[in-house]
Amino acid sequence: LTLKRPKHLYDCLLGLRSENRDRVEYSLKHVNYLIRKNLNDVEFMADELALTLCKISNHFEWDKFEEYRNRALKSLIIMIPESISQCLIKRFYYSDCSMGERATLLDILSDAARELSENPSKYRPEEFNEFNEK
């Protein structure tokens, strides 16, 4: 069975929950791109995707796991700042959230804030939607 890269965020979500190492890795590698590309899908499943990314563990001991996971969480914050920031802040206060996870969440929130502050108009996808009535 040859795995193909996920084409939709839902495929990534399923892949991140999989027990198959390759499927988890492919999903984690491609989720960042899909988050920034598909705002409609992101808005629909953002909280669920954020919590899945927070809770997923590196039980396959993949070297780039943290880098790809953090990049995806940062992209979620950038694309939907209000919703995802609130979701991650709630996660921060959960009793099962470790000190290491809390430190990571703070780093991700500050990185996303820094990127948004550098060029906020770059992340206003509503300006590029030609189908909304004005």
C-alpha atoms as a PDB file:
ATOM      1  CA  LEU A   1       0.000   0.000   0.000  1.00  0.00           C
ATOM      2  CA  THR A   2       1.486   3.296  -1.130  1.00  0.00           C
ATOM      3  CA  LEU A   3       0.435   6.344   0.825  1.00  0.00           C
ATOM      4  CA  LYS A   4      -0.315   9.557  -1.005  1.00  0.00           C
ATOM      5  CA  ARG A   5      -0.089  12.979   0.527  1.00  0.00           C
ATOM      6  CA  PRO A   6      -3.345  14.192   2.075  1.00  0.00           C
ATOM      7  CA  LYS A   7      -5.345  16.543  -0.134  1.00  0.00           C
ATOM      8  CA  HIS A   8      -7.842  17.776   2.462  1.00  0.00           C
ATOM      9  CA  LEU A   9      -7.624  18.849   6.089  1.00  0.00           C
ATOM     10  CA  TYR A  10     -10.030  16.101   7.082  1.00  0.00           C
ATOM     11  CA  ASP A  11      -7.590  13.551   5.616  1.00  0.00           C
ATOM     12  CA  CYS A  12      -4.846  15.102   7.739  1.00  0.00           C
ATOM     13  CA  LEU A  13      -7.023  14.981  10.833  1.00  0.00           C
ATOM     14  CA  LEU A  14      -7.667  11.276  10.289  1.00  0.00           C
ATOM     15  CA  GLY A  15      -3.993  10.707   9.526  1.00  0.00           C
ATOM     16  CA  LEU A  16      -2.900  12.426  12.737  1.00  0.00           C
ATOM     17  CA  ARG A  17      -5.153  10.069  14.689  1.00  0.00           C
ATOM     18  CA  SER A  18      -3.807   7.009  12.884  1.00  0.00           C
ATOM     19  CA  GLU A  19      -1.566   4.326  14.329  1.00  0.00           C
ATOM     20  CA  ASN A  20       0.347   4.132  11.031  1.00  0.00           C
ATOM     21  CA  ARG A  21       3.700   5.931  11.315  1.00  0.00           C
ATOM     22  CA  ASP A  22       3.861   6.919   7.648  1.00  0.00           C
ATOM     23  CA  ARG A  23       0.307   8.241   7.638  1.00  0.00           C
ATOM     24  CA  VAL A  24       0.959  10.372  10.719  1.00  0.00           C
ATOM     25  CA  GLU A  25       4.191  11.689   9.211  1.00  0.00           C
ATOM     26  CA  TYR A  26       2.601  12.514   5.826  1.00  0.00           C
ATOM     27  CA  SER A  27      -0.300  14.254   7.551  1.00  0.00           C
ATOM     28  CA  LEU A  28       1.966  16.295   9.796  1.00  0.00           C
ATOM     29  CA  LYS A  29       4.145  17.305   6.850  1.00  0.00           C
ATOM     30  CA  HIS A  30       1.224  18.517   4.735  1.00  0.00           C
ATOM     31  CA  VAL A  31      -1.198  19.950   7.287  1.00  0.00           C
ATOM     32  CA  ASN A  32       0.584  23.323   7.443  1.00  0.00           C
ATOM     33  CA  TYR A  33       0.217  23.860   3.687  1.00  0.00           C
ATOM     34  CA  LEU A  34      -3.432  22.816   3.720  1.00  0.00           C
ATOM     35  CA  ILE A  35      -4.222  25.113   6.653  1.00  0.00           C
ATOM     36  CA  ARG A  36      -2.902  28.153   4.806  1.00  0.00           C
ATOM     37  CA  LYS A  37      -4.497  27.107   1.521  1.00  0.00           C
ATOM     38  CA  ASN A  38      -8.053  26.138   2.586  1.00  0.00           C
ATOM     39  CA  LEU A  39      -9.533  28.748   4.893  1.00  0.00           C
ATOM     40  CA  ASN A  40     -13.075  27.392   4.539  1.00  0.00           C
ATOM     41  CA  ASP A  41     -11.989  23.934   5.686  1.00  0.00           C
ATOM     42  CA  VAL A  42      -9.906  25.433   8.476  1.00  0.00           C
ATOM     43  CA  GLU A  43     -12.808  27.426   9.876  1.00  0.00           C
ATOM     44  CA  PHE A  44     -14.962  24.306   9.887  1.00  0.00           C
ATOM     45  CA  MET A  45     -12.561  22.067  11.805  1.00  0.00           C
ATOM     46  CA  ALA A  46     -10.057  24.452  13.399  1.00  0.00           C
ATOM     47  CA  ASP A  47     -10.701  23.701  17.075  1.00  0.00           C
ATOM     48  CA  GLU A  48     -10.721  19.944  16.548  1.00  0.00           C
ATOM     49  CA  LEU A  49      -7.519  20.119  14.512  1.00  0.00           C
ATOM     50  CA  ALA A  50      -5.825  22.338  17.112  1.00  0.00           C
ATOM     51  CA  LEU A  51      -6.721  20.008  19.982  1.00  0.00           C
ATOM     52  CA  THR A  52      -5.581  16.977  17.985  1.00  0.00           C
ATOM     53  CA  LEU A  53      -2.260  18.674  17.256  1.00  0.00           C
ATOM     54  CA  CYS A  54      -1.872  19.564  20.948  1.00  0.00           C
ATOM     55  CA  LYS A  55      -2.652  16.067  22.170  1.00  0.00           C
ATOM     56  CA  ILE A  56      -0.729  14.070  19.585  1.00  0.00           C
ATOM     57  CA  SER A  57       2.457  12.566  20.941  1.00  0.00           C
ATOM     58  CA  ASN A  58       5.657  11.594  19.236  1.00  0.00           C
ATOM     59  CA  HIS A  59       5.359   7.911  20.004  1.00  0.00           C
ATOM     60  CA  PHE A  60       7.117   7.095  16.697  1.00  0.00           C
ATOM     61  CA  GLU A  61      10.100   9.180  17.845  1.00  0.00           C
ATOM     62  CA  TRP A  62      10.245  11.150  14.599  1.00  0.00           C
ATOM     63  CA  ASP A  63      12.990  13.822  14.694  1.00  0.00           C
ATOM     64  CA  LYS A  64      11.004  16.613  13.049  1.00  0.00           C
ATOM     65  CA  PHE A  65       7.762  15.972  14.919  1.00  0.00           C
ATOM     66  CA  GLU A  66       7.867  19.091  17.131  1.00  0.00           C
ATOM     67  CA  GLU A  67       8.886  21.345  14.252  1.00  0.00           C
ATOM     68  CA  TYR A  68       6.003  20.264  12.000  1.00  0.00           C
ATOM     69  CA  ARG A  69       3.418  20.193  14.786  1.00  0.00           C
ATOM     70  CA  ASN A  70       4.376  23.660  16.009  1.00  0.00           C
ATOM     71  CA  ARG A  71       4.361  25.021  12.470  1.00  0.00           C
ATOM     72  CA  ALA A  72       0.815  23.714  11.949  1.00  0.00           C
ATOM     73  CA  LEU A  73      -0.426  25.197  15.232  1.00  0.00           C
ATOM     74  CA  LYS A  74       1.174  28.526  14.352  1.00  0.00           C
ATOM     75  CA  SER A  75      -0.559  28.514  10.960  1.00  0.00           C
ATOM     76  CA  LEU A  76      -3.898  27.803  12.617  1.00  0.00           C
ATOM     77  CA  ILE A  77      -3.425  30.819  14.891  1.00  0.00           C
ATOM     78  CA  ILE A  78      -2.433  33.020  11.974  1.00  0.00           C
ATOM     79  CA  MET A  79      -5.377  32.010   9.806  1.00  0.00           C
ATOM     80  CA  ILE A  80      -8.022  32.160  12.577  1.00  0.00           C
ATOM     81  CA  PRO A  81      -6.415  34.152  15.395  1.00  0.00           C
ATOM     82  CA  GLU A  82      -9.382  34.723  17.699  1.00  0.00           C
ATOM     83  CA  SER A  83     -10.776  31.200  17.697  1.00  0.00           C
ATOM     84  CA  ILE A  84      -7.532  29.254  17.840  1.00  0.00           C
ATOM     85  CA  SER A  85      -5.872  31.530  20.392  1.00  0.00           C
ATOM     86  CA  GLN A  86      -8.841  31.026  22.713  1.00  0.00           C
ATOM     87  CA  CYS A  87      -8.748  27.265  22.105  1.00  0.00           C
ATOM     88  CA  LEU A  88      -5.018  27.052  22.905  1.00  0.00           C
ATOM     89  CA  ILE A  89      -5.338  29.286  25.964  1.00  0.00           C
ATOM     90  CA  LYS A  90      -8.097  27.002  27.293  1.00  0.00           C
ATOM     91  CA  ARG A  91      -5.806  24.037  26.613  1.00  0.00           C
ATOM     92  CA  PHE A  92      -3.058  25.813  28.570  1.00  0.00           C
ATOM     93  CA  TYR A  93      -5.214  25.698  31.703  1.00  0.00           C
ATOM     94  CA  TYR A  94      -6.314  22.052  31.419  1.00  0.00           C
ATOM     95  CA  SER A  95      -5.094  19.972  34.331  1.00  0.00           C
ATOM     96  CA  ASP A  96      -3.574  17.350  32.002  1.00  0.00           C
ATOM     97  CA  CYS A  97      -1.444  19.959  30.198  1.00  0.00           C
ATOM     98  CA  SER A  98       2.201  19.466  31.174  1.00  0.00           C
ATOM     99  CA  MET A  99       4.651  22.279  31.880  1.00  0.00           C
ATOM    100  CA  GLY A 100       6.509  21.420  28.675  1.00  0.00           C
ATOM    101  CA  GLU A 101       3.315  21.649  26.645  1.00  0.00           C
ATOM    102  CA  ARG A 102       2.468  24.963  28.290  1.00  0.00           C
ATOM    103  CA  ALA A 103       5.879  26.375  27.392  1.00  0.00           C
ATOM    104  CA  THR A 104       5.441  25.168  23.811  1.00  0.00           C
ATOM    105  CA  LEU A 105       1.976  26.753  23.578  1.00  0.00           C
ATOM    106  CA  LEU A 106       3.367  30.090  24.782  1.00  0.00           C
ATOM    107  CA  ASP A 107       6.171  29.906  22.203  1.00  0.00           C
ATOM    108  CA  ILE A 108       3.706  29.140  19.418  1.00  0.00           C
ATOM    109  CA  LEU A 109       1.360  31.958  20.457  1.00  0.00           C
ATOM    110  CA  SER A 110       4.224  34.469  20.570  1.00  0.00           C
ATOM    111  CA  ASP A 111       5.645  33.297  17.199  1.00  0.00           C
ATOM    112  CA  ALA A 112       2.225  33.641  15.577  1.00  0.00           C
ATOM    113  CA  ALA A 113       1.703  37.085  17.105  1.00  0.00           C
ATOM    114  CA  ARG A 114       5.104  38.167  15.810  1.00  0.00           C
ATOM    115  CA  GLU A 115       4.332  36.950  12.289  1.00  0.00           C
ATOM    116  CA  LEU A 116       0.900  38.589  12.290  1.00  0.00           C
ATOM    117  CA  SER A 117       2.332  41.901  13.504  1.00  0.00           C
ATOM    118  CA  GLU A 118       4.907  41.986  10.699  1.00  0.00           C
ATOM    119  CA  ASN A 119       2.287  42.006   7.928  1.00  0.00           C
ATOM    120  CA  PRO A 120      -1.309  41.782   9.172  1.00  0.00           C
ATOM    121  CA  SER A 121      -2.948  42.559   5.807  1.00  0.00           C
ATOM    122  CA  LYS A 122      -1.302  39.473   4.320  1.00  0.00           C
ATOM    123  CA  TYR A 123      -3.605  37.311   6.438  1.00  0.00           C
ATOM    124  CA  ARG A 124      -6.973  38.827   5.584  1.00  0.00           C
ATOM    125  CA  PRO A 125      -8.380  36.168   3.307  1.00  0.00           C
ATOM    126  CA  GLU A 126     -11.776  37.874   3.148  1.00  0.00           C
ATOM    127  CA  GLU A 127     -10.161  40.524   0.936  1.00  0.00           C
ATOM    128  CA  PHE A 128      -9.424  37.863  -1.664  1.00  0.00           C
ATOM    129  CA  ASN A 129     -12.830  36.189  -1.639  1.00  0.00           C
ATOM    130  CA  GLU A 130     -14.575  37.192  -4.853  1.00  0.00           C
ATOM    131  CA  PHE A 131     -17.839  35.466  -3.998  1.00  0.00           C
ATOM    132  CA  ASN A 132     -19.023  37.469  -0.988  1.00  0.00           C
ATOM    133  CA  GLU A 133     -21.687  40.035  -1.622  1.00  0.00           C
ATOM    134  CA  LYS A 134     -20.772  43.530  -0.547  1.00  0.00           C
END
